Amino acid sequence: IQTVLNKIKLFLAGMRRRDISRGVR
């Protein structure tokens, strides 16, 4: 479960960075 949660966090962080970058662009 911890491994899954870590993967989810990494995914959300990537999505957030992509959203921020997209918003900045």
PDBML (XML) file of the C-alpha atoms, coordinates in Angstrom:
<?xml version="1.0" encoding="UTF-8" ?>
<PDBx:datablock datablockName="MODEL"
   xmlns:PDBx="http://pdbml.pdb.org/schema/pdbx-v50.xsd"
   xmlns:xsi="http://www.w3.org/2001/XMLSchema-instance"
   xsi:schemaLocation="http://pdbml.pdb.org/schema/pdbx-v50.xsd pdbx-v50.xsd">
   <PDBx:atom_siteCategory>
      <PDBx:atom_site id="1">
         <PDBx:B_iso_or_equiv>0.00</PDBx:B_iso_or_equiv>
         <PDBx:Cartn_x>0.000</PDBx:Cartn_x>
         <PDBx:Cartn_y>0.000</PDBx:Cartn_y>
         <PDBx:Cartn_z>0.000</PDBx:Cartn_z>
         <PDBx:auth_asym_id>A</PDBx:auth_asym_id>
         <PDBx:auth_atom_id>CA</PDBx:auth_atom_id>
         <PDBx:auth_comp_id>ILE</PDBx:auth_comp_id>
         <PDBx:auth_seq_id>1</PDBx:auth_seq_id>
         <PDBx:group_PDB>ATOM</PDBx:group_PDB>
         <PDBx:label_alt_id xsi:nil="true" />
         <PDBx:label_asym_id>A</PDBx:label_asym_id>
         <PDBx:label_atom_id>CA</PDBx:label_atom_id>
         <PDBx:label_comp_id>ILE</PDBx:label_comp_id>
         <PDBx:label_entity_id>1</PDBx:label_entity_id>
         <PDBx:label_seq_id>1</PDBx:label_seq_id>
         <PDBx:occupancy>1.00</PDBx:occupancy>
         <PDBx:pdbx_PDB_model_num>1</PDBx:pdbx_PDB_model_num>
         <PDBx:type_symbol>C</PDBx:type_symbol>
      </PDBx:atom_site>
      <PDBx:atom_site id="2">
         <PDBx:B_iso_or_equiv>0.00</PDBx:B_iso_or_equiv>
         <PDBx:Cartn_x>2.851</PDBx:Cartn_x>
         <PDBx:Cartn_y>2.381</PDBx:Cartn_y>
         <PDBx:Cartn_z>0.873</PDBx:Cartn_z>
         <PDBx:auth_asym_id>A</PDBx:auth_asym_id>
         <PDBx:auth_atom_id>CA</PDBx:auth_atom_id>
         <PDBx:auth_comp_id>GLN</PDBx:auth_comp_id>
         <PDBx:auth_seq_id>2</PDBx:auth_seq_id>
         <PDBx:group_PDB>ATOM</PDBx:group_PDB>
         <PDBx:label_alt_id xsi:nil="true" />
         <PDBx:label_asym_id>A</PDBx:label_asym_id>
         <PDBx:label_atom_id>CA</PDBx:label_atom_id>
         <PDBx:label_comp_id>GLN</PDBx:label_comp_id>
         <PDBx:label_entity_id>1</PDBx:label_entity_id>
         <PDBx:label_seq_id>2</PDBx:label_seq_id>
         <PDBx:occupancy>1.00</PDBx:occupancy>
         <PDBx:pdbx_PDB_model_num>1</PDBx:pdbx_PDB_model_num>
         <PDBx:type_symbol>C</PDBx:type_symbol>
      </PDBx:atom_site>
      <PDBx:atom_site id="3">
         <PDBx:B_iso_or_equiv>0.00</PDBx:B_iso_or_equiv>
         <PDBx:Cartn_x>4.422</PDBx:Cartn_x>
         <PDBx:Cartn_y>1.714</PDBx:Cartn_y>
         <PDBx:Cartn_z>-2.487</PDBx:Cartn_z>
         <PDBx:auth_asym_id>A</PDBx:auth_asym_id>
         <PDBx:auth_atom_id>CA</PDBx:auth_atom_id>
         <PDBx:auth_comp_id>THR</PDBx:auth_comp_id>
         <PDBx:auth_seq_id>3</PDBx:auth_seq_id>
         <PDBx:group_PDB>ATOM</PDBx:group_PDB>
         <PDBx:label_alt_id xsi:nil="true" />
         <PDBx:label_asym_id>A</PDBx:label_asym_id>
         <PDBx:label_atom_id>CA</PDBx:label_atom_id>
         <PDBx:label_comp_id>THR</PDBx:label_comp_id>
         <PDBx:label_entity_id>1</PDBx:label_entity_id>
         <PDBx:label_seq_id>3</PDBx:label_seq_id>
         <PDBx:occupancy>1.00</PDBx:occupancy>
         <PDBx:pdbx_PDB_model_num>1</PDBx:pdbx_PDB_model_num>
         <PDBx:type_symbol>C</PDBx:type_symbol>
      </PDBx:atom_site>
      <PDBx:atom_site id="4">
         <PDBx:B_iso_or_equiv>0.00</PDBx:B_iso_or_equiv>
         <PDBx:Cartn_x>1.133</PDBx:Cartn_x>
         <PDBx:Cartn_y>2.465</PDBx:Cartn_y>
         <PDBx:Cartn_z>-4.226</PDBx:Cartn_z>
         <PDBx:auth_asym_id>A</PDBx:auth_asym_id>
         <PDBx:auth_atom_id>CA</PDBx:auth_atom_id>
         <PDBx:auth_comp_id>VAL</PDBx:auth_comp_id>
         <PDBx:auth_seq_id>4</PDBx:auth_seq_id>
         <PDBx:group_PDB>ATOM</PDBx:group_PDB>
         <PDBx:label_alt_id xsi:nil="true" />
         <PDBx:label_asym_id>A</PDBx:label_asym_id>
         <PDBx:label_atom_id>CA</PDBx:label_atom_id>
         <PDBx:label_comp_id>VAL</PDBx:label_comp_id>
         <PDBx:label_entity_id>1</PDBx:label_entity_id>
         <PDBx:label_seq_id>4</PDBx:label_seq_id>
         <PDBx:occupancy>1.00</PDBx:occupancy>
         <PDBx:pdbx_PDB_model_num>1</PDBx:pdbx_PDB_model_num>
         <PDBx:type_symbol>C</PDBx:type_symbol>
      </PDBx:atom_site>
      <PDBx:atom_site id="5">
         <PDBx:B_iso_or_equiv>0.00</PDBx:B_iso_or_equiv>
         <PDBx:Cartn_x>0.730</PDBx:Cartn_x>
         <PDBx:Cartn_y>5.687</PDBx:Cartn_y>
         <PDBx:Cartn_z>-2.254</PDBx:Cartn_z>
         <PDBx:auth_asym_id>A</PDBx:auth_asym_id>
         <PDBx:auth_atom_id>CA</PDBx:auth_atom_id>
         <PDBx:auth_comp_id>LEU</PDBx:auth_comp_id>
         <PDBx:auth_seq_id>5</PDBx:auth_seq_id>
         <PDBx:group_PDB>ATOM</PDBx:group_PDB>
         <PDBx:label_alt_id xsi:nil="true" />
         <PDBx:label_asym_id>A</PDBx:label_asym_id>
         <PDBx:label_atom_id>CA</PDBx:label_atom_id>
         <PDBx:label_comp_id>LEU</PDBx:label_comp_id>
         <PDBx:label_entity_id>1</PDBx:label_entity_id>
         <PDBx:label_seq_id>5</PDBx:label_seq_id>
         <PDBx:occupancy>1.00</PDBx:occupancy>
         <PDBx:pdbx_PDB_model_num>1</PDBx:pdbx_PDB_model_num>
         <PDBx:type_symbol>C</PDBx:type_symbol>
      </PDBx:atom_site>
      <PDBx:atom_site id="6">
         <PDBx:B_iso_or_equiv>0.00</PDBx:B_iso_or_equiv>
         <PDBx:Cartn_x>4.220</PDBx:Cartn_x>
         <PDBx:Cartn_y>6.800</PDBx:Cartn_y>
         <PDBx:Cartn_z>-3.173</PDBx:Cartn_z>
         <PDBx:auth_asym_id>A</PDBx:auth_asym_id>
         <PDBx:auth_atom_id>CA</PDBx:auth_atom_id>
         <PDBx:auth_comp_id>ASN</PDBx:auth_comp_id>
         <PDBx:auth_seq_id>6</PDBx:auth_seq_id>
         <PDBx:group_PDB>ATOM</PDBx:group_PDB>
         <PDBx:label_alt_id xsi:nil="true" />
         <PDBx:label_asym_id>A</PDBx:label_asym_id>
         <PDBx:label_atom_id>CA</PDBx:label_atom_id>
         <PDBx:label_comp_id>ASN</PDBx:label_comp_id>
         <PDBx:label_entity_id>1</PDBx:label_entity_id>
         <PDBx:label_seq_id>6</PDBx:label_seq_id>
         <PDBx:occupancy>1.00</PDBx:occupancy>
         <PDBx:pdbx_PDB_model_num>1</PDBx:pdbx_PDB_model_num>
         <PDBx:type_symbol>C</PDBx:type_symbol>
      </PDBx:atom_site>
      <PDBx:atom_site id="7">
         <PDBx:B_iso_or_equiv>0.00</PDBx:B_iso_or_equiv>
         <PDBx:Cartn_x>3.467</PDBx:Cartn_x>
         <PDBx:Cartn_y>6.141</PDBx:Cartn_y>
         <PDBx:Cartn_z>-6.822</PDBx:Cartn_z>
         <PDBx:auth_asym_id>A</PDBx:auth_asym_id>
         <PDBx:auth_atom_id>CA</PDBx:auth_atom_id>
         <PDBx:auth_comp_id>LYS</PDBx:auth_comp_id>
         <PDBx:auth_seq_id>7</PDBx:auth_seq_id>
         <PDBx:group_PDB>ATOM</PDBx:group_PDB>
         <PDBx:label_alt_id xsi:nil="true" />
         <PDBx:label_asym_id>A</PDBx:label_asym_id>
         <PDBx:label_atom_id>CA</PDBx:label_atom_id>
         <PDBx:label_comp_id>LYS</PDBx:label_comp_id>
         <PDBx:label_entity_id>1</PDBx:label_entity_id>
         <PDBx:label_seq_id>7</PDBx:label_seq_id>
         <PDBx:occupancy>1.00</PDBx:occupancy>
         <PDBx:pdbx_PDB_model_num>1</PDBx:pdbx_PDB_model_num>
         <PDBx:type_symbol>C</PDBx:type_symbol>
      </PDBx:atom_site>
      <PDBx:atom_site id="8">
         <PDBx:B_iso_or_equiv>0.00</PDBx:B_iso_or_equiv>
         <PDBx:Cartn_x>0.260</PDBx:Cartn_x>
         <PDBx:Cartn_y>8.150</PDBx:Cartn_y>
         <PDBx:Cartn_z>-6.549</PDBx:Cartn_z>
         <PDBx:auth_asym_id>A</PDBx:auth_asym_id>
         <PDBx:auth_atom_id>CA</PDBx:auth_atom_id>
         <PDBx:auth_comp_id>ILE</PDBx:auth_comp_id>
         <PDBx:auth_seq_id>8</PDBx:auth_seq_id>
         <PDBx:group_PDB>ATOM</PDBx:group_PDB>
         <PDBx:label_alt_id xsi:nil="true" />
         <PDBx:label_asym_id>A</PDBx:label_asym_id>
         <PDBx:label_atom_id>CA</PDBx:label_atom_id>
         <PDBx:label_comp_id>ILE</PDBx:label_comp_id>
         <PDBx:label_entity_id>1</PDBx:label_entity_id>
         <PDBx:label_seq_id>8</PDBx:label_seq_id>
         <PDBx:occupancy>1.00</PDBx:occupancy>
         <PDBx:pdbx_PDB_model_num>1</PDBx:pdbx_PDB_model_num>
         <PDBx:type_symbol>C</PDBx:type_symbol>
      </PDBx:atom_site>
      <PDBx:atom_site id="9">
         <PDBx:B_iso_or_equiv>0.00</PDBx:B_iso_or_equiv>
         <PDBx:Cartn_x>2.135</PDBx:Cartn_x>
         <PDBx:Cartn_y>11.064</PDBx:Cartn_y>
         <PDBx:Cartn_z>-4.931</PDBx:Cartn_z>
         <PDBx:auth_asym_id>A</PDBx:auth_asym_id>
         <PDBx:auth_atom_id>CA</PDBx:auth_atom_id>
         <PDBx:auth_comp_id>LYS</PDBx:auth_comp_id>
         <PDBx:auth_seq_id>9</PDBx:auth_seq_id>
         <PDBx:group_PDB>ATOM</PDBx:group_PDB>
         <PDBx:label_alt_id xsi:nil="true" />
         <PDBx:label_asym_id>A</PDBx:label_asym_id>
         <PDBx:label_atom_id>CA</PDBx:label_atom_id>
         <PDBx:label_comp_id>LYS</PDBx:label_comp_id>
         <PDBx:label_entity_id>1</PDBx:label_entity_id>
         <PDBx:label_seq_id>9</PDBx:label_seq_id>
         <PDBx:occupancy>1.00</PDBx:occupancy>
         <PDBx:pdbx_PDB_model_num>1</PDBx:pdbx_PDB_model_num>
         <PDBx:type_symbol>C</PDBx:type_symbol>
      </PDBx:atom_site>
      <PDBx:atom_site id="10">
         <PDBx:B_iso_or_equiv>0.00</PDBx:B_iso_or_equiv>
         <PDBx:Cartn_x>4.738</PDBx:Cartn_x>
         <PDBx:Cartn_y>11.008</PDBx:Cartn_y>
         <PDBx:Cartn_z>-7.662</PDBx:Cartn_z>
         <PDBx:auth_asym_id>A</PDBx:auth_asym_id>
         <PDBx:auth_atom_id>CA</PDBx:auth_atom_id>
         <PDBx:auth_comp_id>LEU</PDBx:auth_comp_id>
         <PDBx:auth_seq_id>10</PDBx:auth_seq_id>
         <PDBx:group_PDB>ATOM</PDBx:group_PDB>
         <PDBx:label_alt_id xsi:nil="true" />
         <PDBx:label_asym_id>A</PDBx:label_asym_id>
         <PDBx:label_atom_id>CA</PDBx:label_atom_id>
         <PDBx:label_comp_id>LEU</PDBx:label_comp_id>
         <PDBx:label_entity_id>1</PDBx:label_entity_id>
         <PDBx:label_seq_id>10</PDBx:label_seq_id>
         <PDBx:occupancy>1.00</PDBx:occupancy>
         <PDBx:pdbx_PDB_model_num>1</PDBx:pdbx_PDB_model_num>
         <PDBx:type_symbol>C</PDBx:type_symbol>
      </PDBx:atom_site>
      <PDBx:atom_site id="11">
         <PDBx:B_iso_or_equiv>0.00</PDBx:B_iso_or_equiv>
         <PDBx:Cartn_x>2.012</PDBx:Cartn_x>
         <PDBx:Cartn_y>10.977</PDBx:Cartn_y>
         <PDBx:Cartn_z>-10.281</PDBx:Cartn_z>
         <PDBx:auth_asym_id>A</PDBx:auth_asym_id>
         <PDBx:auth_atom_id>CA</PDBx:auth_atom_id>
         <PDBx:auth_comp_id>PHE</PDBx:auth_comp_id>
         <PDBx:auth_seq_id>11</PDBx:auth_seq_id>
         <PDBx:group_PDB>ATOM</PDBx:group_PDB>
         <PDBx:label_alt_id xsi:nil="true" />
         <PDBx:label_asym_id>A</PDBx:label_asym_id>
         <PDBx:label_atom_id>CA</PDBx:label_atom_id>
         <PDBx:label_comp_id>PHE</PDBx:label_comp_id>
         <PDBx:label_entity_id>1</PDBx:label_entity_id>
         <PDBx:label_seq_id>11</PDBx:label_seq_id>
         <PDBx:occupancy>1.00</PDBx:occupancy>
         <PDBx:pdbx_PDB_model_num>1</PDBx:pdbx_PDB_model_num>
         <PDBx:type_symbol>C</PDBx:type_symbol>
      </PDBx:atom_site>
      <PDBx:atom_site id="12">
         <PDBx:B_iso_or_equiv>0.00</PDBx:B_iso_or_equiv>
         <PDBx:Cartn_x>0.158</PDBx:Cartn_x>
         <PDBx:Cartn_y>13.904</PDBx:Cartn_y>
         <PDBx:Cartn_z>-8.695</PDBx:Cartn_z>
         <PDBx:auth_asym_id>A</PDBx:auth_asym_id>
         <PDBx:auth_atom_id>CA</PDBx:auth_atom_id>
         <PDBx:auth_comp_id>LEU</PDBx:auth_comp_id>
         <PDBx:auth_seq_id>12</PDBx:auth_seq_id>
         <PDBx:group_PDB>ATOM</PDBx:group_PDB>
         <PDBx:label_alt_id xsi:nil="true" />
         <PDBx:label_asym_id>A</PDBx:label_asym_id>
         <PDBx:label_atom_id>CA</PDBx:label_atom_id>
         <PDBx:label_comp_id>LEU</PDBx:label_comp_id>
         <PDBx:label_entity_id>1</PDBx:label_entity_id>
         <PDBx:label_seq_id>12</PDBx:label_seq_id>
         <PDBx:occupancy>1.00</PDBx:occupancy>
         <PDBx:pdbx_PDB_model_num>1</PDBx:pdbx_PDB_model_num>
         <PDBx:type_symbol>C</PDBx:type_symbol>
      </PDBx:atom_site>
      <PDBx:atom_site id="13">
         <PDBx:B_iso_or_equiv>0.00</PDBx:B_iso_or_equiv>
         <PDBx:Cartn_x>3.372</PDBx:Cartn_x>
         <PDBx:Cartn_y>15.873</PDBx:Cartn_y>
         <PDBx:Cartn_z>-8.313</PDBx:Cartn_z>
         <PDBx:auth_asym_id>A</PDBx:auth_asym_id>
         <PDBx:auth_atom_id>CA</PDBx:auth_atom_id>
         <PDBx:auth_comp_id>ALA</PDBx:auth_comp_id>
         <PDBx:auth_seq_id>13</PDBx:auth_seq_id>
         <PDBx:group_PDB>ATOM</PDBx:group_PDB>
         <PDBx:label_alt_id xsi:nil="true" />
         <PDBx:label_asym_id>A</PDBx:label_asym_id>
         <PDBx:label_atom_id>CA</PDBx:label_atom_id>
         <PDBx:label_comp_id>ALA</PDBx:label_comp_id>
         <PDBx:label_entity_id>1</PDBx:label_entity_id>
         <PDBx:label_seq_id>13</PDBx:label_seq_id>
         <PDBx:occupancy>1.00</PDBx:occupancy>
         <PDBx:pdbx_PDB_model_num>1</PDBx:pdbx_PDB_model_num>
         <PDBx:type_symbol>C</PDBx:type_symbol>
      </PDBx:atom_site>
      <PDBx:atom_site id="14">
         <PDBx:B_iso_or_equiv>0.00</PDBx:B_iso_or_equiv>
         <PDBx:Cartn_x>4.125</PDBx:Cartn_x>
         <PDBx:Cartn_y>15.312</PDBx:Cartn_y>
         <PDBx:Cartn_z>-11.971</PDBx:Cartn_z>
         <PDBx:auth_asym_id>A</PDBx:auth_asym_id>
         <PDBx:auth_atom_id>CA</PDBx:auth_atom_id>
         <PDBx:auth_comp_id>GLY</PDBx:auth_comp_id>
         <PDBx:auth_seq_id>14</PDBx:auth_seq_id>
         <PDBx:group_PDB>ATOM</PDBx:group_PDB>
         <PDBx:label_alt_id xsi:nil="true" />
         <PDBx:label_asym_id>A</PDBx:label_asym_id>
         <PDBx:label_atom_id>CA</PDBx:label_atom_id>
         <PDBx:label_comp_id>GLY</PDBx:label_comp_id>
         <PDBx:label_entity_id>1</PDBx:label_entity_id>
         <PDBx:label_seq_id>14</PDBx:label_seq_id>
         <PDBx:occupancy>1.00</PDBx:occupancy>
         <PDBx:pdbx_PDB_model_num>1</PDBx:pdbx_PDB_model_num>
         <PDBx:type_symbol>C</PDBx:type_symbol>
      </PDBx:atom_site>
      <PDBx:atom_site id="15">
         <PDBx:B_iso_or_equiv>0.00</PDBx:B_iso_or_equiv>
         <PDBx:Cartn_x>0.628</PDBx:Cartn_x>
         <PDBx:Cartn_y>16.348</PDBx:Cartn_y>
         <PDBx:Cartn_z>-12.910</PDBx:Cartn_z>
         <PDBx:auth_asym_id>A</PDBx:auth_asym_id>
         <PDBx:auth_atom_id>CA</PDBx:auth_atom_id>
         <PDBx:auth_comp_id>MET</PDBx:auth_comp_id>
         <PDBx:auth_seq_id>15</PDBx:auth_seq_id>
         <PDBx:group_PDB>ATOM</PDBx:group_PDB>
         <PDBx:label_alt_id xsi:nil="true" />
         <PDBx:label_asym_id>A</PDBx:label_asym_id>
         <PDBx:label_atom_id>CA</PDBx:label_atom_id>
         <PDBx:label_comp_id>MET</PDBx:label_comp_id>
         <PDBx:label_entity_id>1</PDBx:label_entity_id>
         <PDBx:label_seq_id>15</PDBx:label_seq_id>
         <PDBx:occupancy>1.00</PDBx:occupancy>
         <PDBx:pdbx_PDB_model_num>1</PDBx:pdbx_PDB_model_num>
         <PDBx:type_symbol>C</PDBx:type_symbol>
      </PDBx:atom_site>
      <PDBx:atom_site id="16">
         <PDBx:B_iso_or_equiv>0.00</PDBx:B_iso_or_equiv>
         <PDBx:Cartn_x>0.917</PDBx:Cartn_x>
         <PDBx:Cartn_y>19.461</PDBx:Cartn_y>
         <PDBx:Cartn_z>-10.721</PDBx:Cartn_z>
         <PDBx:auth_asym_id>A</PDBx:auth_asym_id>
         <PDBx:auth_atom_id>CA</PDBx:auth_atom_id>
         <PDBx:auth_comp_id>ARG</PDBx:auth_comp_id>
         <PDBx:auth_seq_id>16</PDBx:auth_seq_id>
         <PDBx:group_PDB>ATOM</PDBx:group_PDB>
         <PDBx:label_alt_id xsi:nil="true" />
         <PDBx:label_asym_id>A</PDBx:label_asym_id>
         <PDBx:label_atom_id>CA</PDBx:label_atom_id>
         <PDBx:label_comp_id>ARG</PDBx:label_comp_id>
         <PDBx:label_entity_id>1</PDBx:label_entity_id>
         <PDBx:label_seq_id>16</PDBx:label_seq_id>
         <PDBx:occupancy>1.00</PDBx:occupancy>
         <PDBx:pdbx_PDB_model_num>1</PDBx:pdbx_PDB_model_num>
         <PDBx:type_symbol>C</PDBx:type_symbol>
      </PDBx:atom_site>
      <PDBx:atom_site id="17">
         <PDBx:B_iso_or_equiv>0.00</PDBx:B_iso_or_equiv>
         <PDBx:Cartn_x>4.207</PDBx:Cartn_x>
         <PDBx:Cartn_y>20.455</PDBx:Cartn_y>
         <PDBx:Cartn_z>-12.279</PDBx:Cartn_z>
         <PDBx:auth_asym_id>A</PDBx:auth_asym_id>
         <PDBx:auth_atom_id>CA</PDBx:auth_atom_id>
         <PDBx:auth_comp_id>ARG</PDBx:auth_comp_id>
         <PDBx:auth_seq_id>17</PDBx:auth_seq_id>
         <PDBx:group_PDB>ATOM</PDBx:group_PDB>
         <PDBx:label_alt_id xsi:nil="true" />
         <PDBx:label_asym_id>A</PDBx:label_asym_id>
         <PDBx:label_atom_id>CA</PDBx:label_atom_id>
         <PDBx:label_comp_id>ARG</PDBx:label_comp_id>
         <PDBx:label_entity_id>1</PDBx:label_entity_id>
         <PDBx:label_seq_id>17</PDBx:label_seq_id>
         <PDBx:occupancy>1.00</PDBx:occupancy>
         <PDBx:pdbx_PDB_model_num>1</PDBx:pdbx_PDB_model_num>
         <PDBx:type_symbol>C</PDBx:type_symbol>
      </PDBx:atom_site>
      <PDBx:atom_site id="18">
         <PDBx:B_iso_or_equiv>0.00</PDBx:B_iso_or_equiv>
         <PDBx:Cartn_x>2.773</PDBx:Cartn_x>
         <PDBx:Cartn_y>19.860</PDBx:Cartn_y>
         <PDBx:Cartn_z>-15.734</PDBx:Cartn_z>
         <PDBx:auth_asym_id>A</PDBx:auth_asym_id>
         <PDBx:auth_atom_id>CA</PDBx:auth_atom_id>
         <PDBx:auth_comp_id>ARG</PDBx:auth_comp_id>
         <PDBx:auth_seq_id>18</PDBx:auth_seq_id>
         <PDBx:group_PDB>ATOM</PDBx:group_PDB>
         <PDBx:label_alt_id xsi:nil="true" />
         <PDBx:label_asym_id>A</PDBx:label_asym_id>
         <PDBx:label_atom_id>CA</PDBx:label_atom_id>
         <PDBx:label_comp_id>ARG</PDBx:label_comp_id>
         <PDBx:label_entity_id>1</PDBx:label_entity_id>
         <PDBx:label_seq_id>18</PDBx:label_seq_id>
         <PDBx:occupancy>1.00</PDBx:occupancy>
         <PDBx:pdbx_PDB_model_num>1</PDBx:pdbx_PDB_model_num>
         <PDBx:type_symbol>C</PDBx:type_symbol>
      </PDBx:atom_site>
      <PDBx:atom_site id="19">
         <PDBx:B_iso_or_equiv>0.00</PDBx:B_iso_or_equiv>
         <PDBx:Cartn_x>-0.324</PDBx:Cartn_x>
         <PDBx:Cartn_y>21.924</PDBx:Cartn_y>
         <PDBx:Cartn_z>-14.853</PDBx:Cartn_z>
         <PDBx:auth_asym_id>A</PDBx:auth_asym_id>
         <PDBx:auth_atom_id>CA</PDBx:auth_atom_id>
         <PDBx:auth_comp_id>ASP</PDBx:auth_comp_id>
         <PDBx:auth_seq_id>19</PDBx:auth_seq_id>
         <PDBx:group_PDB>ATOM</PDBx:group_PDB>
         <PDBx:label_alt_id xsi:nil="true" />
         <PDBx:label_asym_id>A</PDBx:label_asym_id>
         <PDBx:label_atom_id>CA</PDBx:label_atom_id>
         <PDBx:label_comp_id>ASP</PDBx:label_comp_id>
         <PDBx:label_entity_id>1</PDBx:label_entity_id>
         <PDBx:label_seq_id>19</PDBx:label_seq_id>
         <PDBx:occupancy>1.00</PDBx:occupancy>
         <PDBx:pdbx_PDB_model_num>1</PDBx:pdbx_PDB_model_num>
         <PDBx:type_symbol>C</PDBx:type_symbol>
      </PDBx:atom_site>
      <PDBx:atom_site id="20">
         <PDBx:B_iso_or_equiv>0.00</PDBx:B_iso_or_equiv>
         <PDBx:Cartn_x>1.769</PDBx:Cartn_x>
         <PDBx:Cartn_y>24.739</PDBx:Cartn_y>
         <PDBx:Cartn_z>-13.461</PDBx:Cartn_z>
         <PDBx:auth_asym_id>A</PDBx:auth_asym_id>
         <PDBx:auth_atom_id>CA</PDBx:auth_atom_id>
         <PDBx:auth_comp_id>ILE</PDBx:auth_comp_id>
         <PDBx:auth_seq_id>20</PDBx:auth_seq_id>
         <PDBx:group_PDB>ATOM</PDBx:group_PDB>
         <PDBx:label_alt_id xsi:nil="true" />
         <PDBx:label_asym_id>A</PDBx:label_asym_id>
         <PDBx:label_atom_id>CA</PDBx:label_atom_id>
         <PDBx:label_comp_id>ILE</PDBx:label_comp_id>
         <PDBx:label_entity_id>1</PDBx:label_entity_id>
         <PDBx:label_seq_id>20</PDBx:label_seq_id>
         <PDBx:occupancy>1.00</PDBx:occupancy>
         <PDBx:pdbx_PDB_model_num>1</PDBx:pdbx_PDB_model_num>
         <PDBx:type_symbol>C</PDBx:type_symbol>
      </PDBx:atom_site>
      <PDBx:atom_site id="21">
         <PDBx:B_iso_or_equiv>0.00</PDBx:B_iso_or_equiv>
         <PDBx:Cartn_x>4.027</PDBx:Cartn_x>
         <PDBx:Cartn_y>24.716</PDBx:Cartn_y>
         <PDBx:Cartn_z>-16.474</PDBx:Cartn_z>
         <PDBx:auth_asym_id>A</PDBx:auth_asym_id>
         <PDBx:auth_atom_id>CA</PDBx:auth_atom_id>
         <PDBx:auth_comp_id>SER</PDBx:auth_comp_id>
         <PDBx:auth_seq_id>21</PDBx:auth_seq_id>
         <PDBx:group_PDB>ATOM</PDBx:group_PDB>
         <PDBx:label_alt_id xsi:nil="true" />
         <PDBx:label_asym_id>A</PDBx:label_asym_id>
         <PDBx:label_atom_id>CA</PDBx:label_atom_id>
         <PDBx:label_comp_id>SER</PDBx:label_comp_id>
         <PDBx:label_entity_id>1</PDBx:label_entity_id>
         <PDBx:label_seq_id>21</PDBx:label_seq_id>
         <PDBx:occupancy>1.00</PDBx:occupancy>
         <PDBx:pdbx_PDB_model_num>1</PDBx:pdbx_PDB_model_num>
         <PDBx:type_symbol>C</PDBx:type_symbol>
      </PDBx:atom_site>
      <PDBx:atom_site id="22">
         <PDBx:B_iso_or_equiv>0.00</PDBx:B_iso_or_equiv>
         <PDBx:Cartn_x>1.008</PDBx:Cartn_x>
         <PDBx:Cartn_y>24.638</PDBx:Cartn_y>
         <PDBx:Cartn_z>-18.756</PDBx:Cartn_z>
         <PDBx:auth_asym_id>A</PDBx:auth_asym_id>
         <PDBx:auth_atom_id>CA</PDBx:auth_atom_id>
         <PDBx:auth_comp_id>ARG</PDBx:auth_comp_id>
         <PDBx:auth_seq_id>22</PDBx:auth_seq_id>
         <PDBx:group_PDB>ATOM</PDBx:group_PDB>
         <PDBx:label_alt_id xsi:nil="true" />
         <PDBx:label_asym_id>A</PDBx:label_asym_id>
         <PDBx:label_atom_id>CA</PDBx:label_atom_id>
         <PDBx:label_comp_id>ARG</PDBx:label_comp_id>
         <PDBx:label_entity_id>1</PDBx:label_entity_id>
         <PDBx:label_seq_id>22</PDBx:label_seq_id>
         <PDBx:occupancy>1.00</PDBx:occupancy>
         <PDBx:pdbx_PDB_model_num>1</PDBx:pdbx_PDB_model_num>
         <PDBx:type_symbol>C</PDBx:type_symbol>
      </PDBx:atom_site>
      <PDBx:atom_site id="23">
         <PDBx:B_iso_or_equiv>0.00</PDBx:B_iso_or_equiv>
         <PDBx:Cartn_x>-0.575</PDBx:Cartn_x>
         <PDBx:Cartn_y>27.519</PDBx:Cartn_y>
         <PDBx:Cartn_z>-16.792</PDBx:Cartn_z>
         <PDBx:auth_asym_id>A</PDBx:auth_asym_id>
         <PDBx:auth_atom_id>CA</PDBx:auth_atom_id>
         <PDBx:auth_comp_id>GLY</PDBx:auth_comp_id>
         <PDBx:auth_seq_id>23</PDBx:auth_seq_id>
         <PDBx:group_PDB>ATOM</PDBx:group_PDB>
         <PDBx:label_alt_id xsi:nil="true" />
         <PDBx:label_asym_id>A</PDBx:label_asym_id>
         <PDBx:label_atom_id>CA</PDBx:label_atom_id>
         <PDBx:label_comp_id>GLY</PDBx:label_comp_id>
         <PDBx:label_entity_id>1</PDBx:label_entity_id>
         <PDBx:label_seq_id>23</PDBx:label_seq_id>
         <PDBx:occupancy>1.00</PDBx:occupancy>
         <PDBx:pdbx_PDB_model_num>1</PDBx:pdbx_PDB_model_num>
         <PDBx:type_symbol>C</PDBx:type_symbol>
      </PDBx:atom_site>
      <PDBx:atom_site id="24">
         <PDBx:B_iso_or_equiv>0.00</PDBx:B_iso_or_equiv>
         <PDBx:Cartn_x>2.620</PDBx:Cartn_x>
         <PDBx:Cartn_y>29.541</PDBx:Cartn_y>
         <PDBx:Cartn_z>-17.006</PDBx:Cartn_z>
         <PDBx:auth_asym_id>A</PDBx:auth_asym_id>
         <PDBx:auth_atom_id>CA</PDBx:auth_atom_id>
         <PDBx:auth_comp_id>VAL</PDBx:auth_comp_id>
         <PDBx:auth_seq_id>24</PDBx:auth_seq_id>
         <PDBx:group_PDB>ATOM</PDBx:group_PDB>
         <PDBx:label_alt_id xsi:nil="true" />
         <PDBx:label_asym_id>A</PDBx:label_asym_id>
         <PDBx:label_atom_id>CA</PDBx:label_atom_id>
         <PDBx:label_comp_id>VAL</PDBx:label_comp_id>
         <PDBx:label_entity_id>1</PDBx:label_entity_id>
         <PDBx:label_seq_id>24</PDBx:label_seq_id>
         <PDBx:occupancy>1.00</PDBx:occupancy>
         <PDBx:pdbx_PDB_model_num>1</PDBx:pdbx_PDB_model_num>
         <PDBx:type_symbol>C</PDBx:type_symbol>
      </PDBx:atom_site>
      <PDBx:atom_site id="25">
         <PDBx:B_iso_or_equiv>0.00</PDBx:B_iso_or_equiv>
         <PDBx:Cartn_x>2.826</PDBx:Cartn_x>
         <PDBx:Cartn_y>28.940</PDBx:Cartn_y>
         <PDBx:Cartn_z>-20.736</PDBx:Cartn_z>
         <PDBx:auth_asym_id>A</PDBx:auth_asym_id>
         <PDBx:auth_atom_id>CA</PDBx:auth_atom_id>
         <PDBx:auth_comp_id>ARG</PDBx:auth_comp_id>
         <PDBx:auth_seq_id>25</PDBx:auth_seq_id>
         <PDBx:group_PDB>ATOM</PDBx:group_PDB>
         <PDBx:label_alt_id xsi:nil="true" />
         <PDBx:label_asym_id>A</PDBx:label_asym_id>
         <PDBx:label_atom_id>CA</PDBx:label_atom_id>
         <PDBx:label_comp_id>ARG</PDBx:label_comp_id>
         <PDBx:label_entity_id>1</PDBx:label_entity_id>
         <PDBx:label_seq_id>25</PDBx:label_seq_id>
         <PDBx:occupancy>1.00</PDBx:occupancy>
         <PDBx:pdbx_PDB_model_num>1</PDBx:pdbx_PDB_model_num>
         <PDBx:type_symbol>C</PDBx:type_symbol>
      </PDBx:atom_site>
   </PDBx:atom_siteCategory>
</PDBx:datablock>
